[in-house]
Amino acid sequence: MTPDLTAPKLETPDAFYADLLAAHEGLTKAESDACNARLILLMANHIADNEVLRELLDAAKRR
């Protein structure tokens, strides 16, 4: 059985959300979109498992 990829795992999700918002502070929409794209690619590189990444893409489309 595949683990639930959307189950909460962050110790401090509110702190991460605050950091994410702060990273976008002062950016234009285009800059914010580019920052998100870079973040996604960095996280994908860190995960480094194409099967997991496909499952995450599918989960993101369903939500």
Protein backbone atom coordinates (compact mmCIF):
# COMPACT_ATOMS: atom_id res chain seq x y z
CA MET A 1 0.00 0.00 0.00
CA THR A 2 1.27 3.45 -0.93
CA PRO A 3 1.76 5.80 2.04
CA ASP A 4 -0.46 8.87 2.26
CA LEU A 5 1.73 11.54 0.68
CA THR A 6 -0.52 14.31 1.99
CA ALA A 7 -0.48 13.28 5.66
CA PRO A 8 0.97 16.07 7.83
CA LYS A 9 4.64 15.50 8.62
CA LEU A 10 6.07 18.96 9.31
CA GLU A 11 6.90 19.56 12.97
CA THR A 12 6.01 23.24 12.68
CA PRO A 13 3.84 23.77 9.58
CA ASP A 14 2.85 27.29 10.63
CA ALA A 15 6.51 28.30 10.83
CA PHE A 16 7.17 26.92 7.34
CA TYR A 17 4.10 28.74 6.00
CA ALA A 18 5.33 31.99 7.56
CA ASP A 19 8.77 31.45 5.98
CA LEU A 20 7.14 30.76 2.61
CA LEU A 21 5.10 33.94 2.80
CA ALA A 22 8.17 35.92 3.86
CA ALA A 23 10.14 34.55 0.90
CA HIS A 24 7.51 36.04 -1.44
CA GLU A 25 7.24 39.38 0.32
CA GLY A 26 7.94 42.26 -2.04
CA LEU A 27 8.01 40.07 -5.16
CA THR A 28 5.95 40.77 -8.23
CA LYS A 29 3.54 38.07 -9.42
CA ALA A 30 6.07 36.99 -12.05
CA GLU A 31 8.91 36.90 -9.50
CA SER A 32 6.72 34.97 -7.06
CA ASP A 33 5.80 32.44 -9.75
CA ALA A 34 9.48 32.03 -10.66
CA CYS A 35 10.38 31.59 -6.98
CA ASN A 36 7.72 28.88 -6.65
CA ALA A 37 9.02 27.13 -9.76
CA ARG A 38 12.58 27.16 -8.41
CA LEU A 39 11.38 25.90 -5.03
CA ILE A 40 9.49 23.03 -6.69
CA LEU A 41 12.57 22.04 -8.68
CA LEU A 42 14.80 22.21 -5.59
CA MET A 43 12.37 20.07 -3.62
CA ALA A 44 12.07 17.60 -6.50
CA ASN A 45 15.84 17.34 -6.66
CA HIS A 46 15.95 16.74 -2.91
CA ILE A 47 13.27 14.01 -3.11
CA ALA A 48 15.11 12.48 -6.08
CA ASP A 49 12.58 9.70 -6.68
CA ASN A 50 10.60 9.95 -9.92
CA GLU A 51 7.90 7.56 -8.72
CA VAL A 52 7.29 9.61 -5.58
CA LEU A 53 7.34 12.81 -7.63
CA ARG A 54 4.71 11.39 -10.03
CA GLU A 55 2.54 10.43 -7.06
CA LEU A 56 2.89 13.95 -5.66
CA LEU A 57 1.96 15.49 -9.01
CA ASP A 58 -1.13 13.28 -9.17
CA ALA A 59 -2.05 14.18 -5.58
CA ALA A 60 -1.63 17.90 -6.32
CA LYS A 61 -3.93 17.65 -9.34
CA ARG A 62 -6.61 15.88 -7.27
CA ARG A 63 -6.66 18.44 -4.45
